C-alpha cells in the first residue's frame, strides 16, 4: 500500500501565494514517486487542520512559507499530534525565523554576518539608527518581504509607516555591497553555491518570483576558497540550529575584500522553495538526484523531532542566542 502523505500548502503569511504555486510541483513529484497525496490548504484554523489530518497520514510534507508555516508553529502542532513531518523541528524553525537570534547562533560557530541592531519602529522612523548605507528588514519574515535598502543618496524614509505590518521591532544591518550567493544544505551536507544576479537593487520579493531577468549561476563563478567557505559556513549554521532535511543559506559576498573576508551570512531558510527550478533543488539535481527523488527522500526521512531527542550543542547555544538577543533589545 502506498504511503499516505498530507501535503500542507497555503498558510496565512505574506508568502501564501508562493506556497500555493510551488505546492503544485511538489504534489506532482510526490504522485510520480508513488505516494498517496492529500493536499491540505492550511488556514488559521487549528480545529480544521486537525480534522483534515484525521485519520493520521503516514507523513506530513510541509510546503508552507513564512510566519505560521516555518516558524515552529505548524511543527509544534505536528509534534503534539505525533505525525512525522519533513524539514526542521520546532526549535530550529523558530530560531531560523528570528533573524537576530540566528545571527547570534551563526557568530557562535564563527560565521560572520553584517553589523546590525534591533530597533523600535519609532526609532527607525525618527532618524538613522546607523549611518547609511544600511538595510531595514522585519525580524521574522522570509522571501525578502518588507526589506528596504537605504543608500547615502536616498531621500526616502527607512520604512513606510503605513505599509509596515511586521511588528514594532526592526532589524537594521550595515549594507554589504557586492554579490548574492546561496547554498542549499541537505541532511547537513552543502550541495553547491549559486550566484543570484538580479536586475533590481537586490534579490527582493519581486526578483525572486516575478522578474524573469533574474539569473542563477550554478556553480557560482567565484574563487575556490570563497566557494568552499560559503559551503562550510552554511553547514555550520545548519548544524548549530539543529536543522533537518533541506534548508538554504543566503550570503552577501563583497568581492572587493581579500580572500574570504567579504563573505557575510544573511539568513537561513528552513523550508526553501521547492520546484525543480528552485535554487535549493537545482543544486541537489546537479549532484545527480532528480526532483522526484528529492521529494521522496524528504518523505522517507521525515520524523517528529521532540521524540527521543538527545541534548545537542544547538540546544545549549539556543539559550545563549535568546539571552544575547534580549541584550540587543535592551
C-alpha atoms as a PDB file:
ATOM      1  CA  UNK A   1       0.000   0.000   0.000  1.00  0.00           C
ATOM      2  CA  UNK A   2       1.314   3.453  -0.934  1.00  0.00           C
ATOM      3  CA  UNK A   3       2.429   5.688   1.911  1.00  0.00           C
ATOM      4  CA  UNK A   4      -0.159   8.382   2.641  1.00  0.00           C
ATOM      5  CA  UNK A   5       1.294  11.905   2.567  1.00  0.00           C
ATOM      6  CA  UNK A   6      -0.562  15.049   3.641  1.00  0.00           C
ATOM      7  CA  UNK A   7       0.868  17.999   1.687  1.00  0.00           C
ATOM      8  CA  UNK A   8       0.398  21.286   3.537  1.00  0.00           C
ATOM      9  CA  UNK A   9       0.133  24.358   1.296  1.00  0.00           C
ATOM     10  CA  UNK A  10      -1.119  27.923   1.610  1.00  0.00           C
ATOM     11  CA  UNK A  11      -0.953  29.172   5.163  1.00  0.00           C
ATOM     12  CA  UNK A  12      -1.722  32.729   6.264  1.00  0.00           C
ATOM     13  CA  UNK A  13       1.617  34.514   5.852  1.00  0.00           C
ATOM     14  CA  UNK A  14       2.657  37.073   3.254  1.00  0.00           C
ATOM     15  CA  UNK A  15       4.033  34.120   1.267  1.00  0.00           C
ATOM     16  CA  UNK A  16       0.734  32.249   0.935  1.00  0.00           C
ATOM     17  CA  UNK A  17       0.558  32.544  -2.864  1.00  0.00           C
ATOM     18  CA  UNK A  18       4.151  31.319  -3.241  1.00  0.00           C
ATOM     19  CA  UNK A  19       3.259  28.200  -1.266  1.00  0.00           C
ATOM     20  CA  UNK A  20       0.148  27.542  -3.348  1.00  0.00           C
ATOM     21  CA  UNK A  21       2.077  27.914  -6.605  1.00  0.00           C
ATOM     22  CA  UNK A  22       5.085  25.802  -5.647  1.00  0.00           C
ATOM     23  CA  UNK A  23       2.849  23.248  -3.961  1.00  0.00           C
ATOM     24  CA  UNK A  24       1.630  22.065  -7.363  1.00  0.00           C
ATOM     25  CA  UNK A  25       5.167  21.000  -8.295  1.00  0.00           C
ATOM     26  CA  UNK A  26       5.610  19.129  -5.007  1.00  0.00           C
ATOM     27  CA  UNK A  27       2.256  17.400  -5.413  1.00  0.00           C
ATOM     28  CA  UNK A  28       3.155  16.215  -8.914  1.00  0.00           C
ATOM     29  CA  UNK A  29       6.564  14.962  -7.741  1.00  0.00           C
ATOM     30  CA  UNK A  30       5.067  13.055  -4.817  1.00  0.00           C
ATOM     31  CA  UNK A  31       2.459  11.407  -7.035  1.00  0.00           C
ATOM     32  CA  UNK A  32       5.194  10.489  -9.530  1.00  0.00           C
ATOM     33  CA  UNK A  33       7.085   8.995  -6.578  1.00  0.00           C
ATOM     34  CA  UNK A  34       4.174   6.640  -5.903  1.00  0.00           C
ATOM     35  CA  UNK A  35       2.702   8.320  -2.828  1.00  0.00           C
ATOM     36  CA  UNK A  36      -0.974   8.718  -1.966  1.00  0.00           C
ATOM     37  CA  UNK A  37      -1.201  12.509  -1.631  1.00  0.00           C
ATOM     38  CA  UNK A  38      -3.841  14.525   0.208  1.00  0.00           C
ATOM     39  CA  UNK A  39      -3.437  18.277  -0.349  1.00  0.00           C
ATOM     40  CA  UNK A  40      -4.480  20.493   2.579  1.00  0.00           C
ATOM     41  CA  UNK A  41      -4.862  24.261   2.152  1.00  0.00           C
ATOM     42  CA  UNK A  42      -3.912  25.455   5.636  1.00  0.00           C
ATOM     43  CA  UNK A  43      -5.822  28.386   7.144  1.00  0.00           C
ATOM     44  CA  UNK A  44      -5.530  29.971  10.579  1.00  0.00           C
ATOM     45  CA  UNK A  45      -7.957  27.389  11.944  1.00  0.00           C
ATOM     46  CA  UNK A  46      -6.477  24.733  14.230  1.00  0.00           C
ATOM     47  CA  UNK A  47      -9.615  22.556  14.579  1.00  0.00           C
ATOM     48  CA  UNK A  48      -9.968  22.457  10.795  1.00  0.00           C
ATOM     49  CA  UNK A  49      -6.326  21.415  10.390  1.00  0.00           C
ATOM     50  CA  UNK A  50      -6.658  18.649  12.979  1.00  0.00           C
ATOM     51  CA  UNK A  51      -9.821  17.424  11.261  1.00  0.00           C
ATOM     52  CA  UNK A  52      -8.022  17.398   7.897  1.00  0.00           C
ATOM     53  CA  UNK A  53      -5.229  15.314   9.467  1.00  0.00           C
ATOM     54  CA  UNK A  54      -7.707  12.748  10.852  1.00  0.00           C
ATOM     55  CA  UNK A  55      -7.166   9.889  10.360  1.00  0.00           C
ATOM     56  CA  UNK A  56      -3.450  10.493  10.618  1.00  0.00           C
ATOM     57  CA  UNK A  57      -1.397  10.338   7.424  1.00  0.00           C
ATOM     58  CA  UNK A  58       1.908   8.470   7.443  1.00  0.00           C
ATOM     59  CA  UNK A  59       3.823  11.714   6.816  1.00  0.00           C
ATOM     60  CA  UNK A  60       3.132  15.429   6.546  1.00  0.00           C
ATOM     61  CA  UNK A  61       5.039  17.283   3.828  1.00  0.00           C
ATOM     62  CA  UNK A  62       5.476  20.904   4.935  1.00  0.00           C
ATOM     63  CA  UNK A  63       5.300  23.236   1.962  1.00  0.00           C
ATOM     64  CA  UNK A  64       4.416  26.347   3.968  1.00  0.00           C
ATOM     65  CA  UNK A  65       6.429  29.561   3.988  1.00  0.00           C
ATOM     66  CA  UNK A  66       6.672  32.490   6.364  1.00  0.00           C
ATOM     67  CA  UNK A  67       5.108  33.027   9.765  1.00  0.00           C
ATOM     68  CA  UNK A  68       2.869  30.236  10.950  1.00  0.00           C
ATOM     69  CA  UNK A  69       4.296  27.784   8.432  1.00  0.00           C
ATOM     70  CA  UNK A  70       8.041  27.682   9.030  1.00  0.00           C
ATOM     71  CA  UNK A  71       8.489  29.392  12.396  1.00  0.00           C
ATOM     72  CA  UNK A  72       7.794  26.361  14.579  1.00  0.00           C
ATOM     73  CA  UNK A  73       4.015  26.858  14.841  1.00  0.00           C
ATOM     74  CA  UNK A  74       2.846  24.082  12.499  1.00  0.00           C
ATOM     75  CA  UNK A  75       5.811  21.965  13.567  1.00  0.00           C
ATOM     76  CA  UNK A  76       4.697  22.132  17.201  1.00  0.00           C
ATOM     77  CA  UNK A  77       1.169  21.078  16.242  1.00  0.00           C
ATOM     78  CA  UNK A  78       2.526  18.076  14.357  1.00  0.00           C
ATOM     79  CA  UNK A  79       4.718  17.158  17.332  1.00  0.00           C
ATOM     80  CA  UNK A  80       1.639  17.110  19.575  1.00  0.00           C
ATOM     81  CA  UNK A  81      -0.253  15.016  17.021  1.00  0.00           C
ATOM     82  CA  UNK A  82       2.799  12.740  16.716  1.00  0.00           C
ATOM     83  CA  UNK A  83       2.794  12.809  12.933  1.00  0.00           C
ATOM     84  CA  UNK A  84       6.236  12.640  11.227  1.00  0.00           C
ATOM     85  CA  UNK A  85       6.910  15.674   9.028  1.00  0.00           C
ATOM     86  CA  UNK A  86       9.522  16.977   6.617  1.00  0.00           C
ATOM     87  CA  UNK A  87      12.164  19.643   7.233  1.00  0.00           C
ATOM     88  CA  UNK A  88      13.247  21.093  10.574  1.00  0.00           C
ATOM     89  CA  UNK A  89      11.688  20.785  14.015  1.00  0.00           C
ATOM     90  CA  UNK A  90      10.063  23.485  16.188  1.00  0.00           C
ATOM     91  CA  UNK A  91      13.249  24.772  17.835  1.00  0.00           C
ATOM     92  CA  UNK A  92      15.351  25.117  14.676  1.00  0.00           C
ATOM     93  CA  UNK A  93      12.387  26.572  12.784  1.00  0.00           C
ATOM     94  CA  UNK A  94      11.664  29.185  15.455  1.00  0.00           C
ATOM     95  CA  UNK A  95      15.277  30.330  15.766  1.00  0.00           C
ATOM     96  CA  UNK A  96      15.838  30.423  12.000  1.00  0.00           C
ATOM     97  CA  UNK A  97      12.793  32.657  11.535  1.00  0.00           C
ATOM     98  CA  UNK A  98      14.142  35.057  14.171  1.00  0.00           C
ATOM     99  CA  UNK A  99      16.912  36.807  12.229  1.00  0.00           C
ATOM    100  CA  UNK A 100      18.638  38.475  15.233  1.00  0.00           C
ATOM    101  CA  UNK A 101      18.766  35.169  17.131  1.00  0.00           C
ATOM    102  CA  UNK A 102      20.096  33.381  14.058  1.00  0.00           C
ATOM    103  CA  UNK A 103      22.891  35.962  13.710  1.00  0.00           C
ATOM    104  CA  UNK A 104      23.951  35.248  17.300  1.00  0.00           C
ATOM    105  CA  UNK A 105      23.893  31.484  16.674  1.00  0.00           C
ATOM    106  CA  UNK A 106      25.931  31.911  13.475  1.00  0.00           C
ATOM    107  CA  UNK A 107      28.515  34.010  15.309  1.00  0.00           C
ATOM    108  CA  UNK A 108      28.828  31.283  17.956  1.00  0.00           C
ATOM    109  CA  UNK A 109      30.267  28.940  15.290  1.00  0.00           C
ATOM    110  CA  UNK A 110      32.476  31.526  13.621  1.00  0.00           C
ATOM    111  CA  UNK A 111      30.167  32.605  10.796  1.00  0.00           C
ATOM    112  CA  UNK A 112      30.227  36.406  10.297  1.00  0.00           C
ATOM    113  CA  UNK A 113      27.185  38.473   9.451  1.00  0.00           C
ATOM    114  CA  UNK A 114      26.657  42.184   8.865  1.00  0.00           C
ATOM    115  CA  UNK A 115      26.818  44.505  11.849  1.00  0.00           C
ATOM    116  CA  UNK A 116      23.255  45.068  12.992  1.00  0.00           C
ATOM    117  CA  UNK A 117      20.903  46.311  15.670  1.00  0.00           C
ATOM    118  CA  UNK A 118      17.291  45.634  16.590  1.00  0.00           C
ATOM    119  CA  UNK A 119      15.478  48.950  16.948  1.00  0.00           C
ATOM    120  CA  UNK A 120      11.898  50.017  17.519  1.00  0.00           C
ATOM    121  CA  UNK A 121       9.799  51.057  14.544  1.00  0.00           C
ATOM    122  CA  UNK A 122       9.505  54.553  16.045  1.00  0.00           C
ATOM    123  CA  UNK A 123      13.294  54.875  16.428  1.00  0.00           C
ATOM    124  CA  UNK A 124      13.856  53.889  12.792  1.00  0.00           C
ATOM    125  CA  UNK A 125      11.261  56.411  11.611  1.00  0.00           C
ATOM    126  CA  UNK A 126      12.764  59.141  13.793  1.00  0.00           C
ATOM    127  CA  UNK A 127      16.141  59.070  12.056  1.00  0.00           C
ATOM    128  CA  UNK A 128      19.101  56.957  11.022  1.00  0.00           C
ATOM    129  CA  UNK A 129      19.939  54.398  13.721  1.00  0.00           C
ATOM    130  CA  UNK A 130      23.217  53.826  11.873  1.00  0.00           C
ATOM    131  CA  UNK A 131      24.988  55.720   9.093  1.00  0.00           C
ATOM    132  CA  UNK A 132      23.789  54.763   5.595  1.00  0.00           C
ATOM    133  CA  UNK A 133      24.061  52.651   3.587  1.00  0.00           C
ATOM    134  CA  UNK A 134      22.071  50.131   5.589  1.00  0.00           C
ATOM    135  CA  UNK A 135      19.252  47.609   5.226  1.00  0.00           C
ATOM    136  CA  UNK A 136      15.996  47.542   7.175  1.00  0.00           C
ATOM    137  CA  UNK A 137      14.082  44.297   7.403  1.00  0.00           C
ATOM    138  CA  UNK A 138      11.452  42.564   9.546  1.00  0.00           C
ATOM    139  CA  UNK A 139      12.945  40.384  12.258  1.00  0.00           C
ATOM    140  CA  UNK A 140      10.821  37.380  11.305  1.00  0.00           C
ATOM    141  CA  UNK A 141       9.757  37.266   7.657  1.00  0.00           C
ATOM    142  CA  UNK A 142      11.105  35.316   4.694  1.00  0.00           C
ATOM    143  CA  UNK A 143      11.479  35.864   0.915  1.00  0.00           C
ATOM    144  CA  UNK A 144      12.843  39.390   1.495  1.00  0.00           C
ATOM    145  CA  UNK A 145       9.352  40.551   2.470  1.00  0.00           C
ATOM    146  CA  UNK A 146       9.492  44.102   3.838  1.00  0.00           C
ATOM    147  CA  UNK A 147      13.219  44.588   3.117  1.00  0.00           C
ATOM    148  CA  UNK A 148      14.445  48.042   2.063  1.00  0.00           C
ATOM    149  CA  UNK A 149      17.963  49.309   1.297  1.00  0.00           C
ATOM    150  CA  UNK A 150      18.766  52.867   2.352  1.00  0.00           C
ATOM    151  CA  UNK A 151      21.693  54.416   0.452  1.00  0.00           C
ATOM    152  CA  UNK A 152      23.534  57.625   1.286  1.00  0.00           C
ATOM    153  CA  UNK A 153      21.880  59.476  -1.581  1.00  0.00           C
ATOM    154  CA  UNK A 154      18.331  58.290  -0.787  1.00  0.00           C
ATOM    155  CA  UNK A 155      15.657  60.743   0.278  1.00  0.00           C
ATOM    156  CA  UNK A 156      13.134  58.027   1.166  1.00  0.00           C
ATOM    157  CA  UNK A 157      12.313  57.175   4.758  1.00  0.00           C
ATOM    158  CA  UNK A 158      13.812  53.929   6.137  1.00  0.00           C
ATOM    159  CA  UNK A 159      10.344  52.397   6.147  1.00  0.00           C
ATOM    160  CA  UNK A 160       6.787  53.283   5.243  1.00  0.00           C
ATOM    161  CA  UNK A 161       4.820  53.631   8.469  1.00  0.00           C
ATOM    162  CA  UNK A 162       1.520  52.903   6.740  1.00  0.00           C
ATOM    163  CA  UNK A 163       2.573  49.707   4.965  1.00  0.00           C
ATOM    164  CA  UNK A 164       4.877  48.343   7.701  1.00  0.00           C
ATOM    165  CA  UNK A 165       2.815  45.486   9.166  1.00  0.00           C
ATOM    166  CA  UNK A 166       5.692  43.461  10.568  1.00  0.00           C
ATOM    167  CA  UNK A 167       5.590  44.457  14.229  1.00  0.00           C
ATOM    168  CA  UNK A 168       7.312  47.035  16.418  1.00  0.00           C
ATOM    169  CA  UNK A 169      10.813  45.590  16.011  1.00  0.00           C
ATOM    170  CA  UNK A 170      13.030  46.333  13.007  1.00  0.00           C
ATOM    171  CA  UNK A 171      16.380  44.763  12.180  1.00  0.00           C
ATOM    172  CA  UNK A 172      18.807  47.342  10.794  1.00  0.00           C
ATOM    173  CA  UNK A 173      22.024  45.984   9.247  1.00  0.00           C
ATOM    174  CA  UNK A 174      25.028  47.527   7.578  1.00  0.00           C
ATOM    175  CA  UNK A 175      24.659  47.195   3.809  1.00  0.00           C
ATOM    176  CA  UNK A 176      27.161  44.777   2.264  1.00  0.00           C
ATOM    177  CA  UNK A 177      27.971  45.703  -1.361  1.00  0.00           C
ATOM    178  CA  UNK A 178      28.797  43.008  -3.863  1.00  0.00           C
ATOM    179  CA  UNK A 179      27.223  39.734  -4.911  1.00  0.00           C
ATOM    180  CA  UNK A 180      24.455  37.437  -3.717  1.00  0.00           C
ATOM    181  CA  UNK A 181      25.367  33.789  -3.026  1.00  0.00           C
ATOM    182  CA  UNK A 182      23.194  30.980  -1.729  1.00  0.00           C
ATOM    183  CA  UNK A 183      23.935  27.438  -0.552  1.00  0.00           C
ATOM    184  CA  UNK A 184      21.494  24.554  -0.147  1.00  0.00           C
ATOM    185  CA  UNK A 185      22.155  22.058   2.650  1.00  0.00           C
ATOM    186  CA  UNK A 186      20.604  18.593   2.601  1.00  0.00           C
ATOM    187  CA  UNK A 187      20.928  16.415   5.707  1.00  0.00           C
ATOM    188  CA  UNK A 188      23.832  18.538   6.890  1.00  0.00           C
ATOM    189  CA  UNK A 189      25.784  18.456   3.606  1.00  0.00           C
ATOM    190  CA  UNK A 190      26.180  21.594   1.474  1.00  0.00           C
ATOM    191  CA  UNK A 191      25.113  20.976  -2.127  1.00  0.00           C
ATOM    192  CA  UNK A 192      26.749  23.835  -4.040  1.00  0.00           C
ATOM    193  CA  UNK A 193      26.932  27.612  -4.391  1.00  0.00           C
ATOM    194  CA  UNK A 194      24.630  29.568  -6.681  1.00  0.00           C
ATOM    195  CA  UNK A 195      25.150  33.232  -7.531  1.00  0.00           C
ATOM    196  CA  UNK A 196      21.955  35.209  -7.952  1.00  0.00           C
ATOM    197  CA  UNK A 197      22.208  38.041 -10.455  1.00  0.00           C
ATOM    198  CA  UNK A 198      19.126  40.244 -10.129  1.00  0.00           C
ATOM    199  CA  UNK A 199      18.297  43.400 -12.057  1.00  0.00           C
ATOM    200  CA  UNK A 200      16.625  45.029  -9.067  1.00  0.00           C
ATOM    201  CA  UNK A 201      18.513  46.779  -6.261  1.00  0.00           C
ATOM    202  CA  UNK A 202      18.841  43.413  -4.514  1.00  0.00           C
ATOM    203  CA  UNK A 203      17.281  39.930  -4.604  1.00  0.00           C
ATOM    204  CA  UNK A 204      13.913  41.117  -3.276  1.00  0.00           C
ATOM    205  CA  UNK A 205      10.466  39.515  -3.487  1.00  0.00           C
ATOM    206  CA  UNK A 206       9.939  40.906  -6.996  1.00  0.00           C
ATOM    207  CA  UNK A 207      13.249  39.478  -8.228  1.00  0.00           C
ATOM    208  CA  UNK A 208      12.548  36.118  -6.589  1.00  0.00           C
ATOM    209  CA  UNK A 209       9.122  35.467  -8.008  1.00  0.00           C
ATOM    210  CA  UNK A 210       8.266  37.868 -10.844  1.00  0.00           C
ATOM    211  CA  UNK A 211      11.332  39.308 -12.579  1.00  0.00           C
ATOM    212  CA  UNK A 212      12.231  36.978 -15.452  1.00  0.00           C
ATOM    213  CA  UNK A 213      15.580  38.790 -15.876  1.00  0.00           C
ATOM    214  CA  UNK A 214      16.988  37.268 -12.662  1.00  0.00           C
ATOM    215  CA  UNK A 215      19.862  34.886 -13.457  1.00  0.00           C
ATOM    216  CA  UNK A 216      21.048  31.919 -11.387  1.00  0.00           C
ATOM    217  CA  UNK A 217      24.664  30.916 -11.969  1.00  0.00           C
ATOM    218  CA  UNK A 218      25.488  27.395 -10.777  1.00  0.00           C
ATOM    219  CA  UNK A 219      28.240  26.813  -9.893  1.00  0.00           C
ATOM    220  CA  UNK A 220      28.931  30.389  -8.868  1.00  0.00           C
ATOM    221  CA  UNK A 221      31.921  31.914 -10.661  1.00  0.00           C
ATOM    222  CA  UNK A 222      33.819  32.865  -7.502  1.00  0.00           C
ATOM    223  CA  UNK A 223      37.302  31.915  -6.245  1.00  0.00           C
ATOM    224  CA  UNK A 224      37.563  28.352  -4.966  1.00  0.00           C
ATOM    225  CA  UNK A 225      38.289  29.430  -1.399  1.00  0.00           C
ATOM    226  CA  UNK A 226      35.173  31.603  -1.409  1.00  0.00           C
ATOM    227  CA  UNK A 227      33.105  28.723  -2.813  1.00  0.00           C
ATOM    228  CA  UNK A 228      34.342  26.284  -0.169  1.00  0.00           C
ATOM    229  CA  UNK A 229      33.962  28.783   2.667  1.00  0.00           C
ATOM    230  CA  UNK A 230      30.363  29.589   1.741  1.00  0.00           C
ATOM    231  CA  UNK A 231      29.564  25.855   1.826  1.00  0.00           C
ATOM    232  CA  UNK A 232      31.361  25.447   5.135  1.00  0.00           C
ATOM    233  CA  UNK A 233      29.534  28.408   6.683  1.00  0.00           C
ATOM    234  CA  UNK A 234      26.171  27.035   5.500  1.00  0.00           C
ATOM    235  CA  UNK A 235      26.847  23.653   7.080  1.00  0.00           C
ATOM    236  CA  UNK A 236      27.883  25.290  10.356  1.00  0.00           C
ATOM    237  CA  UNK A 237      24.702  27.364  10.613  1.00  0.00           C
ATOM    238  CA  UNK A 238      22.519  24.394   9.631  1.00  0.00           C
ATOM    239  CA  UNK A 239      24.102  22.213  12.299  1.00  0.00           C
ATOM    240  CA  UNK A 240      24.193  24.730  15.159  1.00  0.00           C
ATOM    241  CA  UNK A 241      20.490  25.444  14.683  1.00  0.00           C
ATOM    242  CA  UNK A 242      19.718  21.717  14.546  1.00  0.00           C
ATOM    243  CA  UNK A 243      18.079  21.845  11.115  1.00  0.00           C
ATOM    244  CA  UNK A 244      16.877  18.781   9.218  1.00  0.00           C
ATOM    245  CA  UNK A 245      16.025  17.899   5.629  1.00  0.00           C
ATOM    246  CA  UNK A 246      16.588  20.638   3.073  1.00  0.00           C
ATOM    247  CA  UNK A 247      17.492  24.220   4.016  1.00  0.00           C
ATOM    248  CA  UNK A 248      19.148  27.143   2.247  1.00  0.00           C
ATOM    249  CA  UNK A 249      21.651  29.728   3.492  1.00  0.00           C
ATOM    250  CA  UNK A 250      21.946  33.142   1.863  1.00  0.00           C
ATOM    251  CA  UNK A 251      25.129  35.247   1.830  1.00  0.00           C
ATOM    252  CA  UNK A 252      26.476  38.563   0.574  1.00  0.00           C
ATOM    253  CA  UNK A 253      29.949  38.491  -0.949  1.00  0.00           C
ATOM    254  CA  UNK A 254      31.912  41.734  -1.129  1.00  0.00           C
ATOM    255  CA  UNK A 255      34.483  40.777  -3.762  1.00  0.00           C
ATOM    256  CA  UNK A 256      36.472  43.968  -3.130  1.00  0.00           C
ATOM    257  CA  UNK A 257      37.805  42.373   0.069  1.00  0.00           C
ATOM    258  CA  UNK A 258      40.718  39.906   0.013  1.00  0.00           C
ATOM    259  CA  UNK A 259      40.187  36.159   0.221  1.00  0.00           C
ATOM    260  CA  UNK A 260      37.097  35.106   2.147  1.00  0.00           C
ATOM    261  CA  UNK A 261      36.885  38.280   4.244  1.00  0.00           C
ATOM    262  CA  UNK A 262      33.965  39.523   2.157  1.00  0.00           C
ATOM    263  CA  UNK A 263      31.547  36.656   2.894  1.00  0.00           C
ATOM    264  CA  UNK A 264      28.699  37.604   5.231  1.00  0.00           C
ATOM    265  CA  UNK A 265      25.806  35.388   6.304  1.00  0.00           C
ATOM    266  CA  UNK A 266      22.312  36.834   5.788  1.00  0.00           C
ATOM    267  CA  UNK A 267      19.790  34.206   6.830  1.00  0.00           C
ATOM    268  CA  UNK A 268      18.785  30.561   6.662  1.00  0.00           C
ATOM    269  CA  UNK A 269      15.531  29.330   5.157  1.00  0.00           C
ATOM    270  CA  UNK A 270      14.424  26.042   6.728  1.00  0.00           C
ATOM    271  CA  UNK A 271      11.731  25.388   4.102  1.00  0.00           C
ATOM    272  CA  UNK A 272      13.115  26.775   0.826  1.00  0.00           C
ATOM    273  CA  UNK A 273      11.146  26.901  -2.384  1.00  0.00           C
ATOM    274  CA  UNK A 274      10.528  23.508  -3.934  1.00  0.00           C
ATOM    275  CA  UNK A 275      10.278  23.177  -7.674  1.00  0.00           C
ATOM    276  CA  UNK A 276      12.844  21.560  -9.942  1.00  0.00           C
ATOM    277  CA  UNK A 277      13.961  25.064 -10.943  1.00  0.00           C
ATOM    278  CA  UNK A 278      14.188  26.460  -7.405  1.00  0.00           C
ATOM    279  CA  UNK A 279      17.649  27.284  -6.075  1.00  0.00           C
ATOM    280  CA  UNK A 280      17.908  24.529  -3.463  1.00  0.00           C
ATOM    281  CA  UNK A 281      16.571  21.649  -5.550  1.00  0.00           C
ATOM    282  CA  UNK A 282      18.595  22.746  -8.585  1.00  0.00           C
ATOM    283  CA  UNK A 283      21.798  22.223  -6.584  1.00  0.00           C
ATOM    284  CA  UNK A 284      20.617  18.767  -5.468  1.00  0.00           C
ATOM    285  CA  UNK A 285      19.636  17.897  -9.040  1.00  0.00           C
ATOM    286  CA  UNK A 286      23.074  18.986 -10.316  1.00  0.00           C
ATOM    287  CA  UNK A 287      24.546  16.470  -7.873  1.00  0.00           C
ATOM    288  CA  UNK A 288      22.622  13.635  -9.511  1.00  0.00           C
ATOM    289  CA  UNK A 289      19.278  13.382  -7.693  1.00  0.00           C
ATOM    290  CA  UNK A 290      16.036  14.111  -9.546  1.00  0.00           C
ATOM    291  CA  UNK A 291      13.327  16.365  -8.119  1.00  0.00           C
ATOM    292  CA  UNK A 292      11.056  13.374  -7.623  1.00  0.00           C
ATOM    293  CA  UNK A 293      13.865  11.581  -5.773  1.00  0.00           C
ATOM    294  CA  UNK A 294      14.480  14.645  -3.598  1.00  0.00           C
ATOM    295  CA  UNK A 295      10.824  14.942  -2.582  1.00  0.00           C
ATOM    296  CA  UNK A 296      10.708  11.195  -1.937  1.00  0.00           C
ATOM    297  CA  UNK A 297      13.851  11.427   0.191  1.00  0.00           C
ATOM    298  CA  UNK A 298      12.284  14.178   2.294  1.00  0.00           C
ATOM    299  CA  UNK A 299       9.238  11.971   2.861  1.00  0.00           C
ATOM    300  CA  UNK A 300      11.274   8.906   3.767  1.00  0.00           C
ATOM    301  CA  UNK A 301      13.441  10.826   6.253  1.00  0.00           C
ATOM    302  CA  UNK A 302      10.523  12.710   7.849  1.00  0.00           C
ATOM    303  CA  UNK A 303      10.240  12.444  11.624  1.00  0.00           C
ATOM    304  CA  UNK A 304       8.992  14.002  14.823  1.00  0.00           C
ATOM    305  CA  UNK A 305      11.826  15.907  16.445  1.00  0.00           C
ATOM    306  CA  UNK A 306      10.764  16.037  20.082  1.00  0.00           C
ATOM    307  CA  UNK A 307      10.612  12.269  20.476  1.00  0.00           C
ATOM    308  CA  UNK A 308      13.726  10.573  21.808  1.00  0.00           C
ATOM    309  CA  UNK A 309      15.884  13.630  21.221  1.00  0.00           C
ATOM    310  CA  UNK A 310      19.276  13.779  22.883  1.00  0.00           C
ATOM    311  CA  UNK A 311      20.869  17.028  24.069  1.00  0.00           C
ATOM    312  CA  UNK A 312      22.762  18.712  21.251  1.00  0.00           C
ATOM    313  CA  UNK A 313      25.089  21.725  21.124  1.00  0.00           C
ATOM    314  CA  UNK A 314      22.391  23.611  19.200  1.00  0.00           C
ATOM    315  CA  UNK A 315      20.045  23.455  22.165  1.00  0.00           C
ATOM    316  CA  UNK A 316      22.636  24.745  24.569  1.00  0.00           C
ATOM    317  CA  UNK A 317      23.560  27.503  22.161  1.00  0.00           C
ATOM    318  CA  UNK A 318      19.915  28.465  21.671  1.00  0.00           C
ATOM    319  CA  UNK A 319      19.583  29.711  25.244  1.00  0.00           C
ATOM    320  CA  UNK A 320      22.674  31.862  24.691  1.00  0.00           C
ATOM    321  CA  UNK A 321      21.139  33.221  21.493  1.00  0.00           C
ATOM    322  CA  UNK A 322      17.931  34.166  23.277  1.00  0.00           C
ATOM    323  CA  UNK A 323      19.905  35.868  26.037  1.00  0.00           C
ATOM    324  CA  UNK A 324      22.072  37.752  23.540  1.00  0.00           C
ATOM    325  CA  UNK A 325      19.015  38.813  21.546  1.00  0.00           C
ATOM    326  CA  UNK A 326      17.440  40.201  24.688  1.00  0.00           C
ATOM    327  CA  UNK A 327      20.587  42.267  25.261  1.00  0.00           C
ATOM    328  CA  UNK A 328      20.312  43.602  21.688  1.00  0.00           C
ATOM    329  CA  UNK A 329      16.796  44.785  22.506  1.00  0.00           C
ATOM    330  CA  UNK A 330      17.742  46.383  25.828  1.00  0.00           C
END
